[in-house]
Amino acid sequence: TLDLCLPTGSDSVGVGRAEARMAASDGLVRHRWRSTRPYSPYLYAFAVGRFARAATRAGPDEFVYLDGAGGDANLPALFDRAPATAAFFAQKAGMPLPDRRYVQLLVPGHEAQETASFSLIGKAELDRDREDPSSAWIVAHEMAHQWWGNLVTCATWRDFWLNEGITTFMVAAWKQHDLGEDAYRQELDGARRRVEQARAIGFDKPLAWGGRYPSLGARRAVQYSKGALFLAHLRETIGDAAFWNGLRVFTRRHAGGSVTSRDCQRAMEEASAQDLSSVFAAWVYGEQPEAS
């Protein structure tokens, strides 16, 4: 439970659901947000301001759009693909949108950050995406984290590729579903370029590497981009049916908990009925698989 004591007229968003506002001391108003499930502490956040608001429903799911960018944005138009994106991710995860509710807060600049039940979406980044839908990523990436990264989160930072690699891959998969095969290949080609840039400066590591990264760009090249490429390779190796079934097994089994790379391997081996130790050794562990 999070209590925020704020000036009258303030809006807030936090993790979970809002309870009734109550008067607090010194003329302030208490905004109480109550989490509906356990989350890793790094996913807890709140935002305060004056927010224009719009909302829509798609079946049992509610999508709330808040404008904290200080403008008069047409929120339903800006986020018009959000319900369809969520439906795709829910189908691939084998689990509905957590809490059947998701809030997106529009903020200035290029901000992009998930929290346990809402995301910050930078208006400049969203505008760029809408100008070129084939390169769009921000809404899908932050939303995908509601399943992979939030509902199921990494047990250690060396397993952070399970948060970001899966999410980066799911943006490509969503584009394949929504825009076609060329969009999927274009997204993977972008990931491949980022990995090659890291290799060009002499940096390439297995996904579950536990050492220090020389820069944020190098970390992202490995954990985001190489993670996505590994999942695309795994999909080709074991086939579509086994791959998506493995992702559903992984997500359902560990919902509300934390995971390691070994948990992902077990789910994919179970779904494919194959020994995947060699491919995980080559991409994830660096030739030497972790002990079970």
C-alpha atoms as a PDB file:
ATOM      1  CA  THR A   1       0.000   0.000   0.000  1.00  0.00           C
ATOM      2  CA  LEU A   2       1.273   3.461  -0.947  1.00  0.00           C
ATOM      3  CA  ASP A   3      -0.132   6.671   0.550  1.00  0.00           C
ATOM      4  CA  LEU A   4       0.514   9.974  -1.225  1.00  0.00           C
ATOM      5  CA  CYS A   5      -0.511  13.172   0.580  1.00  0.00           C
ATOM      6  CA  LEU A   6      -1.038  15.711  -2.184  1.00  0.00           C
ATOM      7  CA  PRO A   7      -2.480  19.185  -2.780  1.00  0.00           C
ATOM      8  CA  THR A   8      -6.153  19.360  -3.693  1.00  0.00           C
ATOM      9  CA  GLY A   9      -6.630  18.926  -7.431  1.00  0.00           C
ATOM     10  CA  SER A  10      -3.612  16.679  -7.952  1.00  0.00           C
ATOM     11  CA  ASP A  11      -3.878  13.499  -9.971  1.00  0.00           C
ATOM     12  CA  SER A  12      -1.799  10.412  -9.252  1.00  0.00           C
ATOM     13  CA  VAL A  13      -1.089   6.980 -10.633  1.00  0.00           C
ATOM     14  CA  GLY A  14       0.543   4.140  -8.742  1.00  0.00           C
ATOM     15  CA  VAL A  15       0.918   0.389  -8.666  1.00  0.00           C
ATOM     16  CA  GLY A  16      -2.338  -1.528  -8.461  1.00  0.00           C
ATOM     17  CA  ARG A  17      -5.670   0.159  -7.863  1.00  0.00           C
ATOM     18  CA  ALA A  18      -6.707   3.440  -6.256  1.00  0.00           C
ATOM     19  CA  GLU A  19      -8.846   3.472  -3.141  1.00  0.00           C
ATOM     20  CA  ALA A  20     -11.186   6.296  -2.132  1.00  0.00           C
ATOM     21  CA  ARG A  21      -9.413   9.577  -1.458  1.00  0.00           C
ATOM     22  CA  MET A  22      -9.533  10.965   2.070  1.00  0.00           C
ATOM     23  CA  ALA A  23      -8.629  14.239   3.742  1.00  0.00           C
ATOM     24  CA  ALA A  24      -5.138  14.344   5.254  1.00  0.00           C
ATOM     25  CA  SER A  25      -3.430  16.868   7.513  1.00  0.00           C
ATOM     26  CA  ASP A  26      -2.519  20.418   6.447  1.00  0.00           C
ATOM     27  CA  GLY A  27      -5.301  20.550   3.871  1.00  0.00           C
ATOM     28  CA  LEU A  28      -3.820  17.759   1.764  1.00  0.00           C
ATOM     29  CA  VAL A  29      -5.651  14.829   0.223  1.00  0.00           C
ATOM     30  CA  ARG A  30      -4.538  11.235   0.734  1.00  0.00           C
ATOM     31  CA  HIS A  31      -4.312   9.127  -2.440  1.00  0.00           C
ATOM     32  CA  ARG A  32      -3.958   5.443  -1.545  1.00  0.00           C
ATOM     33  CA  TRP A  33      -2.748   2.889  -4.094  1.00  0.00           C
ATOM     34  CA  ARG A  34      -2.923  -0.780  -3.220  1.00  0.00           C
ATOM     35  CA  SER A  35      -0.997  -3.452  -5.081  1.00  0.00           C
ATOM     36  CA  THR A  36      -3.072  -6.474  -6.032  1.00  0.00           C
ATOM     37  CA  ARG A  37      -0.162  -8.937  -6.175  1.00  0.00           C
ATOM     38  CA  PRO A  38       3.503  -9.171  -5.160  1.00  0.00           C
ATOM     39  CA  TYR A  39       5.992  -7.519  -7.504  1.00  0.00           C
ATOM     40  CA  SER A  40       9.745  -7.085  -7.462  1.00  0.00           C
ATOM     41  CA  PRO A  41      10.556  -3.820  -5.629  1.00  0.00           C
ATOM     42  CA  TYR A  42      12.273  -2.210  -8.616  1.00  0.00           C
ATOM     43  CA  LEU A  43       8.902  -2.182 -10.393  1.00  0.00           C
ATOM     44  CA  TYR A  44       7.154   0.013  -7.821  1.00  0.00           C
ATOM     45  CA  ALA A  45       6.586   3.618  -8.889  1.00  0.00           C
ATOM     46  CA  PHE A  46       4.130   6.485  -8.809  1.00  0.00           C
ATOM     47  CA  ALA A  47       3.521   9.700 -10.727  1.00  0.00           C
ATOM     48  CA  VAL A  48       1.805  12.915  -9.661  1.00  0.00           C
ATOM     49  CA  GLY A  49       0.559  15.842 -11.738  1.00  0.00           C
ATOM     50  CA  ARG A  50      -2.477  17.134 -13.571  1.00  0.00           C
ATOM     51  CA  PHE A  51      -3.454  14.492 -16.081  1.00  0.00           C
ATOM     52  CA  ALA A  52      -6.063  14.592 -18.814  1.00  0.00           C
ATOM     53  CA  ARG A  53      -7.668  11.156 -18.932  1.00  0.00           C
ATOM     54  CA  ALA A  54      -9.317   8.839 -21.423  1.00  0.00           C
ATOM     55  CA  ALA A  55     -10.226   5.176 -21.124  1.00  0.00           C
ATOM     56  CA  THR A  56     -11.543   2.371 -23.261  1.00  0.00           C
ATOM     57  CA  ARG A  57     -12.551  -1.229 -22.756  1.00  0.00           C
ATOM     58  CA  ALA A  58     -11.893  -4.311 -24.839  1.00  0.00           C
ATOM     59  CA  GLY A  59     -13.963  -7.106 -23.363  1.00  0.00           C
ATOM     60  CA  PRO A  60     -12.965  -7.441 -19.692  1.00  0.00           C
ATOM     61  CA  ASP A  61      -9.803  -5.343 -20.143  1.00  0.00           C
ATOM     62  CA  GLU A  62      -9.634  -1.629 -19.309  1.00  0.00           C
ATOM     63  CA  PHE A  63      -7.060   0.647 -20.939  1.00  0.00           C
ATOM     64  CA  VAL A  64      -6.462   4.006 -19.276  1.00  0.00           C
ATOM     65  CA  TYR A  65      -4.574   6.780 -21.060  1.00  0.00           C
ATOM     66  CA  LEU A  66      -3.235   9.777 -19.120  1.00  0.00           C
ATOM     67  CA  ASP A  67      -1.680  12.931 -20.567  1.00  0.00           C
ATOM     68  CA  GLY A  68       1.118  14.273 -18.390  1.00  0.00           C
ATOM     69  CA  ALA A  69       2.834  16.045 -21.291  1.00  0.00           C
ATOM     70  CA  GLY A  70       0.932  19.271 -20.729  1.00  0.00           C
ATOM     71  CA  GLY A  71      -0.824  19.257 -24.059  1.00  0.00           C
ATOM     72  CA  ASP A  72      -4.229  18.437 -25.460  1.00  0.00           C
ATOM     73  CA  ALA A  73      -3.280  15.101 -26.993  1.00  0.00           C
ATOM     74  CA  ASN A  74      -5.951  12.940 -28.606  1.00  0.00           C
ATOM     75  CA  LEU A  75      -5.244  10.025 -26.283  1.00  0.00           C
ATOM     76  CA  PRO A  76      -7.557   7.405 -27.850  1.00  0.00           C
ATOM     77  CA  ALA A  77      -6.015   8.089 -31.262  1.00  0.00           C
ATOM     78  CA  LEU A  78      -2.438   7.962 -29.961  1.00  0.00           C
ATOM     79  CA  PHE A  79      -2.993   4.601 -28.256  1.00  0.00           C
ATOM     80  CA  ASP A  80      -5.485   3.119 -30.705  1.00  0.00           C
ATOM     81  CA  ARG A  81      -3.498  -0.127 -31.198  1.00  0.00           C
ATOM     82  CA  ALA A  82      -3.085  -0.839 -27.480  1.00  0.00           C
ATOM     83  CA  PRO A  83      -6.069  -3.216 -27.065  1.00  0.00           C
ATOM     84  CA  ALA A  84      -5.087  -5.310 -30.097  1.00  0.00           C
ATOM     85  CA  THR A  85      -1.480  -5.451 -28.920  1.00  0.00           C
ATOM     86  CA  ALA A  86      -2.544  -6.627 -25.470  1.00  0.00           C
ATOM     87  CA  ALA A  87      -4.800  -9.305 -26.958  1.00  0.00           C
ATOM     88  CA  PHE A  88      -1.881 -10.671 -28.996  1.00  0.00           C
ATOM     89  CA  PHE A  89       0.442 -10.796 -25.982  1.00  0.00           C
ATOM     90  CA  ALA A  90      -2.232 -12.424 -23.809  1.00  0.00           C
ATOM     91  CA  GLN A  91      -2.744 -15.142 -26.391  1.00  0.00           C
ATOM     92  CA  LYS A  92       0.989 -15.834 -26.675  1.00  0.00           C
ATOM     93  CA  ALA A  93       1.462 -15.761 -22.887  1.00  0.00           C
ATOM     94  CA  GLY A  94      -1.529 -17.988 -22.245  1.00  0.00           C
ATOM     95  CA  MET A  95      -2.554 -15.495 -19.557  1.00  0.00           C
ATOM     96  CA  PRO A  96      -4.760 -12.407 -19.615  1.00  0.00           C
ATOM     97  CA  LEU A  97      -3.579  -8.851 -19.098  1.00  0.00           C
ATOM     98  CA  PRO A  98      -2.586  -8.692 -15.401  1.00  0.00           C
ATOM     99  CA  ASP A  99      -5.406  -7.168 -13.324  1.00  0.00           C
ATOM    100  CA  ARG A 100      -7.325  -6.783 -16.620  1.00  0.00           C
ATOM    101  CA  ARG A 101      -6.192  -3.137 -16.519  1.00  0.00           C
ATOM    102  CA  TYR A 102      -3.263  -1.180 -17.907  1.00  0.00           C
ATOM    103  CA  VAL A 103      -2.381   2.517 -17.624  1.00  0.00           C
ATOM    104  CA  GLN A 104      -0.161   4.429 -20.058  1.00  0.00           C
ATOM    105  CA  LEU A 105       1.054   7.861 -18.968  1.00  0.00           C
ATOM    106  CA  LEU A 106       2.155  10.194 -21.759  1.00  0.00           C
ATOM    107  CA  VAL A 107       5.135  12.309 -20.668  1.00  0.00           C
ATOM    108  CA  PRO A 108       7.440  14.747 -22.510  1.00  0.00           C
ATOM    109  CA  GLY A 109      10.498  13.599 -24.417  1.00  0.00           C
ATOM    110  CA  HIS A 110      11.704  10.088 -25.205  1.00  0.00           C
ATOM    111  CA  GLU A 111      10.994   8.423 -21.856  1.00  0.00           C
ATOM    112  CA  ALA A 112      10.147   4.703 -21.970  1.00  0.00           C
ATOM    113  CA  GLN A 113       9.751   2.861 -18.683  1.00  0.00           C
ATOM    114  CA  GLU A 114       7.534   0.073 -17.405  1.00  0.00           C
ATOM    115  CA  THR A 115       6.340  -0.234 -13.832  1.00  0.00           C
ATOM    116  CA  ALA A 116       4.286  -2.964 -12.208  1.00  0.00           C
ATOM    117  CA  SER A 117       0.945  -1.786 -13.611  1.00  0.00           C
ATOM    118  CA  PHE A 118       1.554   1.356 -15.666  1.00  0.00           C
ATOM    119  CA  SER A 119       4.128   2.657 -18.122  1.00  0.00           C
ATOM    120  CA  LEU A 120       5.666   6.014 -18.996  1.00  0.00           C
ATOM    121  CA  ILE A 121       5.443   6.714 -22.727  1.00  0.00           C
ATOM    122  CA  GLY A 122       7.529   9.604 -24.094  1.00  0.00           C
ATOM    123  CA  LYS A 123       5.482  11.719 -26.479  1.00  0.00           C
ATOM    124  CA  ALA A 124       8.439  12.444 -28.762  1.00  0.00           C
ATOM    125  CA  GLU A 125       9.125   8.716 -29.099  1.00  0.00           C
ATOM    126  CA  LEU A 126       5.460   7.922 -29.675  1.00  0.00           C
ATOM    127  CA  ASP A 127       5.162  10.655 -32.323  1.00  0.00           C
ATOM    128  CA  ARG A 128       8.201   9.228 -34.116  1.00  0.00           C
ATOM    129  CA  ASP A 129       6.684   5.765 -34.026  1.00  0.00           C
ATOM    130  CA  ARG A 130       3.405   6.977 -35.475  1.00  0.00           C
ATOM    131  CA  GLU A 131       5.240   8.662 -38.346  1.00  0.00           C
ATOM    132  CA  ASP A 132       6.901   5.341 -39.209  1.00  0.00           C
ATOM    133  CA  PRO A 133       4.761   2.401 -37.992  1.00  0.00           C
ATOM    134  CA  SER A 134       7.267  -0.129 -39.344  1.00  0.00           C
ATOM    135  CA  SER A 135       9.817   1.009 -36.747  1.00  0.00           C
ATOM    136  CA  ALA A 136       7.342   1.542 -33.891  1.00  0.00           C
ATOM    137  CA  TRP A 137       8.272  -0.120 -30.628  1.00  0.00           C
ATOM    138  CA  ILE A 138       7.481   1.899 -27.506  1.00  0.00           C
ATOM    139  CA  VAL A 139       3.848   0.935 -26.802  1.00  0.00           C
ATOM    140  CA  ALA A 140       4.388  -2.752 -27.577  1.00  0.00           C
ATOM    141  CA  HIS A 141       7.697  -3.013 -25.685  1.00  0.00           C
ATOM    142  CA  GLU A 142       6.485  -1.447 -22.447  1.00  0.00           C
ATOM    143  CA  MET A 143       3.193  -3.342 -22.590  1.00  0.00           C
ATOM    144  CA  ALA A 144       4.931  -6.678 -23.148  1.00  0.00           C
ATOM    145  CA  HIS A 145       6.725  -6.124 -19.849  1.00  0.00           C
ATOM    146  CA  GLN A 146       3.403  -6.526 -18.043  1.00  0.00           C
ATOM    147  CA  TRP A 147       3.897 -10.258 -18.663  1.00  0.00           C
ATOM    148  CA  TRP A 148       7.662 -10.660 -19.207  1.00  0.00           C
ATOM    149  CA  GLY A 149       9.618  -8.609 -16.724  1.00  0.00           C
ATOM    150  CA  ASN A 150       6.799  -7.769 -14.314  1.00  0.00           C
ATOM    151  CA  LEU A 151       4.482 -10.765 -13.881  1.00  0.00           C
ATOM    152  CA  VAL A 152       7.505 -13.017 -14.448  1.00  0.00           C
ATOM    153  CA  THR A 153      10.759 -11.288 -13.487  1.00  0.00           C
ATOM    154  CA  CYS A 154      14.436 -12.166 -13.464  1.00  0.00           C
ATOM    155  CA  ALA A 155      15.864 -13.713 -10.309  1.00  0.00           C
ATOM    156  CA  THR A 156      19.260 -12.043 -10.793  1.00  0.00           C
ATOM    157  CA  TRP A 157      20.637  -9.314 -13.068  1.00  0.00           C
ATOM    158  CA  ARG A 158      22.538 -11.920 -15.074  1.00  0.00           C
ATOM    159  CA  ASP A 159      19.103 -13.263 -16.078  1.00  0.00           C
ATOM    160  CA  PHE A 160      17.900  -9.788 -17.099  1.00  0.00           C
ATOM    161  CA  TRP A 161      17.826 -10.940 -20.735  1.00  0.00           C
ATOM    162  CA  LEU A 162      14.675 -12.875 -19.787  1.00  0.00           C
ATOM    163  CA  ASN A 163      13.000  -9.515 -19.157  1.00  0.00           C
ATOM    164  CA  GLU A 164      14.388  -7.550 -22.067  1.00  0.00           C
ATOM    165  CA  GLY A 165      15.248 -10.172 -24.668  1.00  0.00           C
ATOM    166  CA  ILE A 166      11.769 -11.692 -24.529  1.00  0.00           C
ATOM    167  CA  THR A 167      10.156  -8.261 -24.664  1.00  0.00           C
ATOM    168  CA  THR A 168      12.302  -7.131 -27.596  1.00  0.00           C
ATOM    169  CA  PHE A 169      11.473 -10.352 -29.428  1.00  0.00           C
ATOM    170  CA  MET A 170       7.756  -9.927 -28.695  1.00  0.00           C
ATOM    171  CA  VAL A 171       7.791  -6.518 -30.392  1.00  0.00           C
ATOM    172  CA  ALA A 172       9.069  -8.272 -33.518  1.00  0.00           C
ATOM    173  CA  ALA A 173       6.447 -11.009 -33.160  1.00  0.00           C
ATOM    174  CA  TRP A 174       3.681  -8.422 -32.765  1.00  0.00           C
ATOM    175  CA  LYS A 175       4.858  -6.667 -35.931  1.00  0.00           C
ATOM    176  CA  GLN A 176       4.866  -9.973 -37.780  1.00  0.00           C
ATOM    177  CA  HIS A 177       1.264 -10.506 -36.698  1.00  0.00           C
ATOM    178  CA  ASP A 178       0.151  -6.931 -37.384  1.00  0.00           C
ATOM    179  CA  LEU A 179       2.259  -5.847 -40.374  1.00  0.00           C
ATOM    180  CA  GLY A 180       3.635  -9.018 -41.917  1.00  0.00           C
ATOM    181  CA  GLU A 181       6.835 -10.996 -42.355  1.00  0.00           C
ATOM    182  CA  ASP A 182       8.911  -8.096 -43.681  1.00  0.00           C
ATOM    183  CA  ALA A 183       8.277  -6.099 -40.491  1.00  0.00           C
ATOM    184  CA  TYR A 184       9.400  -9.079 -38.378  1.00  0.00           C
ATOM    185  CA  ARG A 185      12.609  -9.441 -40.371  1.00  0.00           C
ATOM    186  CA  GLN A 186      13.240  -5.700 -40.236  1.00  0.00           C
ATOM    187  CA  GLU A 187      13.006  -5.730 -36.439  1.00  0.00           C
ATOM    188  CA  LEU A 188      15.392  -8.666 -36.161  1.00  0.00           C
ATOM    189  CA  ASP A 189      17.787  -7.023 -38.627  1.00  0.00           C
ATOM    190  CA  GLY A 190      17.890  -3.984 -36.332  1.00  0.00           C
ATOM    191  CA  ALA A 191      18.755  -6.234 -33.397  1.00  0.00           C
ATOM    192  CA  ARG A 192      21.435  -7.917 -35.471  1.00  0.00           C
ATOM    193  CA  ARG A 193      23.015  -4.553 -36.330  1.00  0.00           C
ATOM    194  CA  ARG A 194      23.200  -3.591 -32.660  1.00  0.00           C
ATOM    195  CA  VAL A 195      24.929  -6.875 -31.804  1.00  0.00           C
ATOM    196  CA  GLU A 196      27.394  -6.403 -34.669  1.00  0.00           C
ATOM    197  CA  GLN A 197      28.209  -2.884 -33.430  1.00  0.00           C
ATOM    198  CA  ALA A 198      29.103  -4.334 -30.027  1.00  0.00           C
ATOM    199  CA  ARG A 199      31.224  -7.035 -31.645  1.00  0.00           C
ATOM    200  CA  ALA A 200      33.000  -4.380 -33.710  1.00  0.00           C
ATOM    201  CA  ILE A 201      34.369  -2.838 -30.498  1.00  0.00           C
ATOM    202  CA  GLY A 202      35.380  -6.273 -29.239  1.00  0.00           C
ATOM    203  CA  PHE A 203      32.446  -6.917 -26.937  1.00  0.00           C
ATOM    204  CA  ASP A 204      30.227  -9.995 -27.160  1.00  0.00           C
ATOM    205  CA  LYS A 205      29.068 -12.055 -24.214  1.00  0.00           C
ATOM    206  CA  PRO A 206      26.647 -14.926 -23.527  1.00  0.00           C
ATOM    207  CA  LEU A 207      23.199 -13.831 -22.452  1.00  0.00           C
ATOM    208  CA  ALA A 208      23.573 -14.956 -18.832  1.00  0.00           C
ATOM    209  CA  TRP A 209      27.001 -13.340 -18.394  1.00  0.00           C
ATOM    210  CA  GLY A 210      27.436 -11.955 -14.886  1.00  0.00           C
ATOM    211  CA  GLY A 211      30.297  -9.521 -15.421  1.00  0.00           C
ATOM    212  CA  ARG A 212      30.461  -5.765 -15.923  1.00  0.00           C
ATOM    213  CA  TYR A 213      29.355  -4.099 -19.132  1.00  0.00           C
ATOM    214  CA  PRO A 214      31.453  -1.245 -20.522  1.00  0.00           C
ATOM    215  CA  SER A 215      28.379   0.821 -21.393  1.00  0.00           C
ATOM    216  CA  LEU A 216      24.597   0.796 -21.381  1.00  0.00           C
ATOM    217  CA  GLY A 217      24.705   0.333 -25.147  1.00  0.00           C
ATOM    218  CA  ALA A 218      26.793  -2.820 -24.793  1.00  0.00           C
ATOM    219  CA  ARG A 219      24.418  -4.198 -22.152  1.00  0.00           C
ATOM    220  CA  ARG A 220      21.444  -3.548 -24.403  1.00  0.00           C
ATOM    221  CA  ALA A 221      23.169  -5.111 -27.395  1.00  0.00           C
ATOM    222  CA  VAL A 222      23.529  -8.354 -25.434  1.00  0.00           C
ATOM    223  CA  GLN A 223      20.509  -8.553 -23.143  1.00  0.00           C
ATOM    224  CA  TYR A 224      17.956  -6.890 -25.430  1.00  0.00           C
ATOM    225  CA  SER A 225      19.090  -7.472 -29.011  1.00  0.00           C
ATOM    226  CA  LYS A 226      21.041 -10.722 -28.745  1.00  0.00           C
ATOM    227  CA  GLY A 227      18.307 -12.022 -26.436  1.00  0.00           C
ATOM    228  CA  ALA A 228      15.718 -11.362 -29.133  1.00  0.00           C
ATOM    229  CA  LEU A 229      17.875 -13.004 -31.793  1.00  0.00           C
ATOM    230  CA  PHE A 230      18.323 -16.069 -29.600  1.00  0.00           C
ATOM    231  CA  LEU A 231      14.569 -16.463 -29.217  1.00  0.00           C
ATOM    232  CA  ALA A 232      14.093 -16.090 -32.972  1.00  0.00           C
ATOM    233  CA  HIS A 233      16.777 -18.774 -33.476  1.00  0.00           C
ATOM    234  CA  LEU A 234      15.127 -21.018 -30.898  1.00  0.00           C
ATOM    235  CA  ARG A 235      11.783 -20.570 -32.648  1.00  0.00           C
ATOM    236  CA  GLU A 236      13.318 -21.715 -35.933  1.00  0.00           C
ATOM    237  CA  THR A 237      15.109 -24.607 -34.227  1.00  0.00           C
ATOM    238  CA  ILE A 238      12.130 -26.191 -32.462  1.00  0.00           C
ATOM    239  CA  GLY A 239       9.299 -24.885 -34.652  1.00  0.00           C
ATOM    240  CA  ASP A 240       6.450 -22.472 -34.065  1.00  0.00           C
ATOM    241  CA  ALA A 241       4.102 -24.754 -32.176  1.00  0.00           C
ATOM    242  CA  ALA A 242       6.713 -25.922 -29.670  1.00  0.00           C
ATOM    243  CA  PHE A 243       8.178 -22.446 -29.248  1.00  0.00           C
ATOM    244  CA  TRP A 244       4.903 -20.706 -28.418  1.00  0.00           C
ATOM    245  CA  ASN A 245       3.819 -23.578 -26.221  1.00  0.00           C
ATOM    246  CA  GLY A 246       7.140 -23.298 -24.392  1.00  0.00           C
ATOM    247  CA  LEU A 247       6.639 -19.583 -23.835  1.00  0.00           C
ATOM    248  CA  ARG A 248       3.173 -20.255 -22.425  1.00  0.00           C
ATOM    249  CA  VAL A 249       4.537 -22.963 -20.108  1.00  0.00           C
ATOM    250  CA  PHE A 250       7.295 -20.612 -18.941  1.00  0.00           C
ATOM    251  CA  THR A 251       4.897 -17.706 -18.324  1.00  0.00           C
ATOM    252  CA  ARG A 252       2.125 -19.642 -16.596  1.00  0.00           C
ATOM    253  CA  ARG A 253       4.445 -21.709 -14.433  1.00  0.00           C
ATOM    254  CA  HIS A 254       6.338 -18.719 -13.091  1.00  0.00           C
ATOM    255  CA  ALA A 255       3.633 -16.030 -12.995  1.00  0.00           C
ATOM    256  CA  GLY A 256       4.063 -14.049  -9.796  1.00  0.00           C
ATOM    257  CA  GLY A 257       7.618 -15.295  -9.311  1.00  0.00           C
ATOM    258  CA  SER A 258      11.211 -14.907 -10.439  1.00  0.00           C
ATOM    259  CA  VAL A 259      13.096 -16.954 -12.997  1.00  0.00           C
ATOM    260  CA  THR A 260      16.544 -17.964 -14.173  1.00  0.00           C
ATOM    261  CA  SER A 261      17.779 -18.949 -17.606  1.00  0.00           C
ATOM    262  CA  ARG A 262      17.492 -22.587 -16.574  1.00  0.00           C
ATOM    263  CA  ASP A 263      13.733 -22.132 -16.049  1.00  0.00           C
ATOM    264  CA  CYS A 264      13.385 -20.954 -19.639  1.00  0.00           C
ATOM    265  CA  GLN A 265      15.417 -23.897 -20.888  1.00  0.00           C
ATOM    266  CA  ARG A 266      13.278 -26.392 -18.980  1.00  0.00           C
ATOM    267  CA  ALA A 267      10.052 -24.948 -20.385  1.00  0.00           C
ATOM    268  CA  MET A 268      11.334 -25.033 -23.967  1.00  0.00           C
ATOM    269  CA  GLU A 269      12.681 -28.575 -23.587  1.00  0.00           C
ATOM    270  CA  GLU A 270       9.394 -29.734 -22.135  1.00  0.00           C
ATOM    271  CA  ALA A 271       7.397 -28.163 -24.967  1.00  0.00           C
ATOM    272  CA  SER A 272       9.665 -29.435 -27.737  1.00  0.00           C
ATOM    273  CA  ALA A 273      10.599 -32.816 -26.230  1.00  0.00           C
ATOM    274  CA  GLN A 274      14.190 -31.993 -27.216  1.00  0.00           C
ATOM    275  CA  ASP A 275      17.475 -31.668 -25.362  1.00  0.00           C
ATOM    276  CA  LEU A 276      18.361 -28.001 -25.889  1.00  0.00           C
ATOM    277  CA  SER A 277      21.501 -27.976 -23.757  1.00  0.00           C
ATOM    278  CA  SER A 278      23.813 -27.298 -26.712  1.00  0.00           C
ATOM    279  CA  VAL A 279      21.891 -24.312 -28.059  1.00  0.00           C
ATOM    280  CA  PHE A 280      21.485 -22.809 -24.585  1.00  0.00           C
ATOM    281  CA  ALA A 281      25.177 -23.438 -23.922  1.00  0.00           C
ATOM    282  CA  ALA A 282      26.171 -21.613 -27.103  1.00  0.00           C
ATOM    283  CA  TRP A 283      23.905 -18.579 -26.671  1.00  0.00           C
ATOM    284  CA  VAL A 284      23.056 -18.287 -22.976  1.00  0.00           C
ATOM    285  CA  TYR A 285      25.720 -19.844 -20.762  1.00  0.00           C
ATOM    286  CA  GLY A 286      28.844 -19.431 -22.862  1.00  0.00           C
ATOM    287  CA  GLU A 287      29.524 -23.097 -23.700  1.00  0.00           C
ATOM    288  CA  GLN A 288      29.228 -24.303 -20.111  1.00  0.00           C
ATOM    289  CA  PRO A 289      25.599 -24.898 -19.001  1.00  0.00           C
ATOM    290  CA  GLU A 290      24.724 -23.916 -15.462  1.00  0.00           C
ATOM    291  CA  ALA A 291      24.216 -26.728 -12.960  1.00  0.00           C
ATOM    292  CA  SER A 292      20.615 -27.790 -12.561  1.00  0.00           C
END
